[in-house]
Amino acid sequence: MKIGPFAFLRPPLGDLGATYDDRLRLIEKRVVVDFLLALIELFSLGVTAEELRLKIGDFAPTGVG
């Protein structure tokens, strides 16, 4: 390997930047997946709560009687 006049621009430990970038991409993907799963869970909890309100409303006294 020939060292040129711009050797000071090379990474000091070789090409570890590529592995660091790969790790960041993997972390970003995990964060996005976790965020989407949290949204799905919140939506399903909202739907469940709405169904429970409707069921409770069926048994609630209407005041007519």
PDB file of N, CA and C in Angstrom:
ATOM      1  N   MET A   1       0.845  -1.170   0.000  1.00  0.00           N
ATOM      2  CA  MET A   1       0.000   0.000   0.000  1.00  0.00           C
ATOM      3  C   MET A   1       0.895   1.240   0.000  1.00  0.00           C
ATOM      4  N   LYS A   2       0.605   2.125  -0.913  1.00  0.00           N
ATOM      5  CA  LYS A   2       1.392   3.341  -1.033  1.00  0.00           C
ATOM      6  C   LYS A   2       0.728   4.456  -0.231  1.00  0.00           C
ATOM      7  N   ILE A   3       1.518   5.162   0.545  1.00  0.00           N
ATOM      8  CA  ILE A   3       1.003   6.277   1.334  1.00  0.00           C
ATOM      9  C   ILE A   3       1.277   7.556   0.554  1.00  0.00           C
ATOM     10  N   GLY A   4       0.217   8.261   0.251  1.00  0.00           N
ATOM     11  CA  GLY A   4       0.329   9.473  -0.552  1.00  0.00           C
ATOM     12  C   GLY A   4       0.452  10.715   0.302  1.00  0.00           C
ATOM     13  N   PRO A   5       0.402  11.883  -0.345  1.00  0.00           N
ATOM     14  CA  PRO A   5       0.550  13.141   0.384  1.00  0.00           C
ATOM     15  C   PRO A   5      -0.658  13.454   1.274  1.00  0.00           C
ATOM     16  N   PHE A   6      -1.776  12.774   1.057  1.00  0.00           N
ATOM     17  CA  PHE A   6      -2.976  13.046   1.858  1.00  0.00           C
ATOM     18  C   PHE A   6      -3.233  11.934   2.872  1.00  0.00           C
ATOM     19  N   ALA A   7      -2.165  11.320   3.365  1.00  0.00           N
ATOM     20  CA  ALA A   7      -2.296  10.232   4.334  1.00  0.00           C
ATOM     21  C   ALA A   7      -2.949  10.712   5.625  1.00  0.00           C
ATOM     22  N   PHE A   8      -2.823  11.971   5.946  1.00  0.00           N
ATOM     23  CA  PHE A   8      -3.421  12.487   7.178  1.00  0.00           C
ATOM     24  C   PHE A   8      -4.945  12.484   7.107  1.00  0.00           C
ATOM     25  N   LEU A   9      -5.528  12.338   5.915  1.00  0.00           N
ATOM     26  CA  LEU A   9      -6.974  12.298   5.774  1.00  0.00           C
ATOM     27  C   LEU A   9      -7.548  10.895   5.973  1.00  0.00           C
ATOM     28  N   ARG A  10      -6.688   9.884   6.001  1.00  0.00           N
ATOM     29  CA  ARG A  10      -7.165   8.512   6.195  1.00  0.00           C
ATOM     30  C   ARG A  10      -7.573   8.300   7.642  1.00  0.00           C
ATOM     31  N   PRO A  11      -8.562   7.441   7.883  1.00  0.00           N
ATOM     32  CA  PRO A  11      -8.944   7.143   9.260  1.00  0.00           C
ATOM     33  C   PRO A  11      -7.781   6.509  10.013  1.00  0.00           C
ATOM     34  N   PRO A  12      -7.577   6.861  11.264  1.00  0.00           N
ATOM     35  CA  PRO A  12      -6.413   6.361  11.996  1.00  0.00           C
ATOM     36  C   PRO A  12      -6.439   4.851  12.235  1.00  0.00           C
ATOM     37  N   LEU A  13      -7.608   4.247  12.360  1.00  0.00           N
ATOM     38  CA  LEU A  13      -7.702   2.822  12.649  1.00  0.00           C
ATOM     39  C   LEU A  13      -8.194   2.022  11.441  1.00  0.00           C
ATOM     40  N   GLY A  14      -7.987   2.523  10.290  1.00  0.00           N
ATOM     41  CA  GLY A  14      -8.462   1.820   9.101  1.00  0.00           C
ATOM     42  C   GLY A  14      -9.872   2.250   8.750  1.00  0.00           C
ATOM     43  N   ASP A  15     -10.621   1.343   8.161  1.00  0.00           N
ATOM     44  CA  ASP A  15     -11.960   1.691   7.698  1.00  0.00           C
ATOM     45  C   ASP A  15     -13.020   1.226   8.688  1.00  0.00           C
ATOM     46  N   LEU A  16     -12.891   1.653   9.927  1.00  0.00           N
ATOM     47  CA  LEU A  16     -13.893   1.319  10.931  1.00  0.00           C
ATOM     48  C   LEU A  16     -15.141   2.176  10.789  1.00  0.00           C
ATOM     49  N   GLY A  17     -15.063   3.235  10.032  1.00  0.00           N
ATOM     50  CA  GLY A  17     -16.228   4.089   9.829  1.00  0.00           C
ATOM     51  C   GLY A  17     -17.363   3.356   9.156  1.00  0.00           C
ATOM     52  N   ALA A  18     -17.045   2.423   8.289  1.00  0.00           N
ATOM     53  CA  ALA A  18     -18.086   1.664   7.600  1.00  0.00           C
ATOM     54  C   ALA A  18     -18.868   0.818   8.592  1.00  0.00           C
ATOM     55  N   THR A  19     -18.177   0.162   9.510  1.00  0.00           N
ATOM     56  CA  THR A  19     -18.901  -0.650  10.487  1.00  0.00           C
ATOM     57  C   THR A  19     -19.707   0.230  11.430  1.00  0.00           C
ATOM     58  N   TYR A  20     -19.195   1.390  11.766  1.00  0.00           N
ATOM     59  CA  TYR A  20     -19.932   2.318  12.616  1.00  0.00           C
ATOM     60  C   TYR A  20     -21.201   2.776  11.916  1.00  0.00           C
ATOM     61  N   ASP A  21     -21.106   3.103  10.618  1.00  0.00           N
ATOM     62  CA  ASP A  21     -22.284   3.502   9.851  1.00  0.00           C
ATOM     63  C   ASP A  21     -23.296   2.372   9.778  1.00  0.00           C
ATOM     64  N   ASP A  22     -22.806   1.145   9.607  1.00  0.00           N
ATOM     65  CA  ASP A  22     -23.712   0.002   9.560  1.00  0.00           C
ATOM     66  C   ASP A  22     -24.449  -0.161  10.880  1.00  0.00           C
ATOM     67  N   ARG A  23     -23.731   0.011  11.985  1.00  0.00           N
ATOM     68  CA  ARG A  23     -24.378  -0.103  13.299  1.00  0.00           C
ATOM     69  C   ARG A  23     -25.426   0.995  13.481  1.00  0.00           C
ATOM     70  N   LEU A  24     -25.126   2.207  13.033  1.00  0.00           N
ATOM     71  CA  LEU A  24     -26.106   3.284  13.153  1.00  0.00           C
ATOM     72  C   LEU A  24     -27.353   2.977  12.341  1.00  0.00           C
ATOM     73  N   ARG A  25     -27.170   2.424  11.147  1.00  0.00           N
ATOM     74  CA  ARG A  25     -28.333   2.062  10.326  1.00  0.00           C
ATOM     75  C   ARG A  25     -29.179   1.013  11.023  1.00  0.00           C
ATOM     76  N   LEU A  26     -28.546   0.024  11.634  1.00  0.00           N
ATOM     77  CA  LEU A  26     -29.291  -1.014  12.348  1.00  0.00           C
ATOM     78  C   LEU A  26     -30.040  -0.431  13.537  1.00  0.00           C
ATOM     79  N   ILE A  27     -29.395   0.482  14.258  1.00  0.00           N
ATOM     80  CA  ILE A  27     -30.053   1.114  15.404  1.00  0.00           C
ATOM     81  C   ILE A  27     -31.241   1.941  14.930  1.00  0.00           C
ATOM     82  N   GLU A  28     -31.074   2.678  13.841  1.00  0.00           N
ATOM     83  CA  GLU A  28     -32.176   3.481  13.311  1.00  0.00           C
ATOM     84  C   GLU A  28     -33.346   2.593  12.921  1.00  0.00           C
ATOM     85  N   LYS A  29     -33.064   1.450  12.305  1.00  0.00           N
ATOM     86  CA  LYS A  29     -34.139   0.540  11.913  1.00  0.00           C
ATOM     87  C   LYS A  29     -34.865   0.016  13.138  1.00  0.00           C
ATOM     88  N   ARG A  30     -34.128  -0.320  14.193  1.00  0.00           N
ATOM     89  CA  ARG A  30     -34.763  -0.816  15.413  1.00  0.00           C
ATOM     90  C   ARG A  30     -35.636   0.258  16.045  1.00  0.00           C
ATOM     91  N   VAL A  31     -35.170   1.507  16.021  1.00  0.00           N
ATOM     92  CA  VAL A  31     -35.949   2.600  16.609  1.00  0.00           C
ATOM     93  C   VAL A  31     -37.241   2.786  15.834  1.00  0.00           C
ATOM     94  N   VAL A  32     -37.157   2.731  14.512  1.00  0.00           N
ATOM     95  CA  VAL A  32     -38.358   2.907  13.683  1.00  0.00           C
ATOM     96  C   VAL A  32     -39.338   1.762  13.931  1.00  0.00           C
ATOM     97  N   VAL A  33     -38.829   0.541  13.998  1.00  0.00           N
ATOM     98  CA  VAL A  33     -39.704  -0.609  14.236  1.00  0.00           C
ATOM     99  C   VAL A  33     -40.356  -0.505  15.616  1.00  0.00           C
ATOM    100  N   ASP A  34     -39.584  -0.137  16.624  1.00  0.00           N
ATOM    101  CA  ASP A  34     -40.144   0.023  17.966  1.00  0.00           C
ATOM    102  C   ASP A  34     -41.212   1.115  17.991  1.00  0.00           C
ATOM    103  N   PHE A  35     -40.973   2.198  17.281  1.00  0.00           N
ATOM    104  CA  PHE A  35     -41.943   3.286  17.226  1.00  0.00           C
ATOM    105  C   PHE A  35     -43.238   2.825  16.562  1.00  0.00           C
ATOM    106  N   LEU A  36     -43.128   2.097  15.456  1.00  0.00           N
ATOM    107  CA  LEU A  36     -44.319   1.612  14.763  1.00  0.00           C
ATOM    108  C   LEU A  36     -45.084   0.611  15.636  1.00  0.00           C
ATOM    109  N   LEU A  37     -44.367  -0.258  16.334  1.00  0.00           N
ATOM    110  CA  LEU A  37     -45.043  -1.203  17.225  1.00  0.00           C
ATOM    111  C   LEU A  37     -45.765  -0.473  18.358  1.00  0.00           C
ATOM    112  N   ALA A  38     -45.159   0.587  18.875  1.00  0.00           N
ATOM    113  CA  ALA A  38     -45.812   1.372  19.928  1.00  0.00           C
ATOM    114  C   ALA A  38     -47.080   2.037  19.397  1.00  0.00           C
ATOM    115  N   LEU A  39     -47.037   2.558  18.179  1.00  0.00           N
ATOM    116  CA  LEU A  39     -48.231   3.163  17.586  1.00  0.00           C
ATOM    117  C   LEU A  39     -49.342   2.129  17.411  1.00  0.00           C
ATOM    118  N   ILE A  40     -48.983   0.948  16.938  1.00  0.00           N
ATOM    119  CA  ILE A  40     -49.982  -0.107  16.755  1.00  0.00           C
ATOM    120  C   ILE A  40     -50.603  -0.490  18.098  1.00  0.00           C
ATOM    121  N   GLU A  41     -49.770  -0.603  19.127  1.00  0.00           N
ATOM    122  CA  GLU A  41     -50.284  -0.960  20.437  1.00  0.00           C
ATOM    123  C   GLU A  41     -51.212   0.120  20.987  1.00  0.00           C
ATOM    124  N   LEU A  42     -50.823   1.381  20.835  1.00  0.00           N
ATOM    125  CA  LEU A  42     -51.691   2.464  21.304  1.00  0.00           C
ATOM    126  C   LEU A  42     -53.011   2.484  20.551  1.00  0.00           C
ATOM    127  N   PHE A  43     -52.976   2.248  19.254  1.00  0.00           N
ATOM    128  CA  PHE A  43     -54.204   2.229  18.470  1.00  0.00           C
ATOM    129  C   PHE A  43     -55.100   1.081  18.924  1.00  0.00           C
ATOM    130  N   SER A  44     -54.511  -0.094  19.148  1.00  0.00           N
ATOM    131  CA  SER A  44     -55.320  -1.235  19.573  1.00  0.00           C
ATOM    132  C   SER A  44     -55.905  -1.003  20.965  1.00  0.00           C
ATOM    133  N   LEU A  45     -55.148  -0.347  21.846  1.00  0.00           N
ATOM    134  CA  LEU A  45     -55.687  -0.013  23.163  1.00  0.00           C
ATOM    135  C   LEU A  45     -56.844   0.970  23.045  1.00  0.00           C
ATOM    136  N   GLY A  46     -56.742   1.917  22.134  1.00  0.00           N
ATOM    137  CA  GLY A  46     -57.825   2.875  21.920  1.00  0.00           C
ATOM    138  C   GLY A  46     -59.075   2.204  21.405  1.00  0.00           C
ATOM    139  N   VAL A  47     -58.915   1.261  20.495  1.00  0.00           N
ATOM    140  CA  VAL A  47     -60.068   0.530  19.953  1.00  0.00           C
ATOM    141  C   VAL A  47     -60.705  -0.300  21.057  1.00  0.00           C
ATOM    142  N   THR A  48     -59.878  -0.954  21.867  1.00  0.00           N
ATOM    143  CA  THR A  48     -60.398  -1.773  22.966  1.00  0.00           C
ATOM    144  C   THR A  48     -61.152  -0.909  23.974  1.00  0.00           C
ATOM    145  N   ALA A  49     -60.608   0.251  24.292  1.00  0.00           N
ATOM    146  CA  ALA A  49     -61.270   1.146  25.240  1.00  0.00           C
ATOM    147  C   ALA A  49     -62.618   1.618  24.682  1.00  0.00           C
ATOM    148  N   GLU A  50     -62.661   1.900  23.397  1.00  0.00           N
ATOM    149  CA  GLU A  50     -63.918   2.340  22.778  1.00  0.00           C
ATOM    150  C   GLU A  50     -64.956   1.225  22.819  1.00  0.00           C
ATOM    151  N   GLU A  51     -64.543  -0.006  22.566  1.00  0.00           N
ATOM    152  CA  GLU A  51     -65.474  -1.133  22.634  1.00  0.00           C
ATOM    153  C   GLU A  51     -65.991  -1.322  24.055  1.00  0.00           C
ATOM    154  N   LEU A  52     -65.111  -1.166  25.037  1.00  0.00           N
ATOM    155  CA  LEU A  52     -65.553  -1.297  26.427  1.00  0.00           C
ATOM    156  C   LEU A  52     -66.549  -0.207  26.789  1.00  0.00           C
ATOM    157  N   ARG A  53     -66.324   1.020  26.311  1.00  0.00           N
ATOM    158  CA  ARG A  53     -67.272   2.106  26.585  1.00  0.00           C
ATOM    159  C   ARG A  53     -68.634   1.794  25.985  1.00  0.00           C
ATOM    160  N   LEU A  54     -68.647   1.229  24.788  1.00  0.00           N
ATOM    161  CA  LEU A  54     -69.918   0.895  24.147  1.00  0.00           C
ATOM    162  C   LEU A  54     -70.629  -0.220  24.907  1.00  0.00           C
ATOM    163  N   LYS A  55     -69.882  -1.221  25.353  1.00  0.00           N
ATOM    164  CA  LYS A  55     -70.494  -2.313  26.108  1.00  0.00           C
ATOM    165  C   LYS A  55     -71.017  -1.829  27.447  1.00  0.00           C
ATOM    166  N   ILE A  56     -70.252  -0.975  28.117  1.00  0.00           N
ATOM    167  CA  ILE A  56     -70.701  -0.436  29.394  1.00  0.00           C
ATOM    168  C   ILE A  56     -71.920   0.451  29.172  1.00  0.00           C
ATOM    169  N   GLY A  57     -71.931   1.185  28.081  1.00  0.00           N
ATOM    170  CA  GLY A  57     -73.061   2.040  27.768  1.00  0.00           C
ATOM    171  C   GLY A  57     -74.347   1.253  27.547  1.00  0.00           C
ATOM    172  N   ASP A  58     -74.235   0.016  27.067  1.00  0.00           N
ATOM    173  CA  ASP A  58     -75.424  -0.811  26.864  1.00  0.00           C
ATOM    174  C   ASP A  58     -76.087  -1.162  28.192  1.00  0.00           C
ATOM    175  N   PHE A  59     -75.293  -1.293  29.249  1.00  0.00           N
ATOM    176  CA  PHE A  59     -75.832  -1.690  30.556  1.00  0.00           C
ATOM    177  C   PHE A  59     -76.106  -0.502  31.463  1.00  0.00           C
ATOM    178  N   ALA A  60     -75.696   0.681  31.062  1.00  0.00           N
ATOM    179  CA  ALA A  60     -75.880   1.859  31.910  1.00  0.00           C
ATOM    180  C   ALA A  60     -77.351   2.245  31.925  1.00  0.00           C
ATOM    181  N   PRO A  61     -77.811   2.687  33.057  1.00  0.00           N
ATOM    182  CA  PRO A  61     -79.223   3.127  33.127  1.00  0.00           C
ATOM    183  C   PRO A  61     -79.422   4.400  32.299  1.00  0.00           C
ATOM    184  N   THR A  62     -80.507   4.464  31.599  1.00  0.00           N
ATOM    185  CA  THR A  62     -80.781   5.608  30.738  1.00  0.00           C
ATOM    186  C   THR A  62     -81.521   6.711  31.452  1.00  0.00           C
ATOM    187  N   GLY A  63     -82.062   6.424  32.632  1.00  0.00           N
ATOM    188  CA  GLY A  63     -82.822   7.451  33.364  1.00  0.00           C
ATOM    189  C   GLY A  63     -84.298   7.392  33.057  1.00  0.00           C
ATOM    190  N   VAL A  64     -84.672   6.564  32.100  1.00  0.00           N
ATOM    191  CA  VAL A  64     -86.094   6.405  31.769  1.00  0.00           C
ATOM    192  C   VAL A  64     -86.611   5.223  32.571  1.00  0.00           C
ATOM    193  N   GLY A  65     -87.696   5.393  33.289  1.00  0.00           N
ATOM    194  CA  GLY A  65     -88.119   4.224  33.995  1.00  0.00           C
ATOM    195  C   GLY A  65     -89.223   4.427  34.859  1.00  0.00           C
TER     196      GLY A  65
END
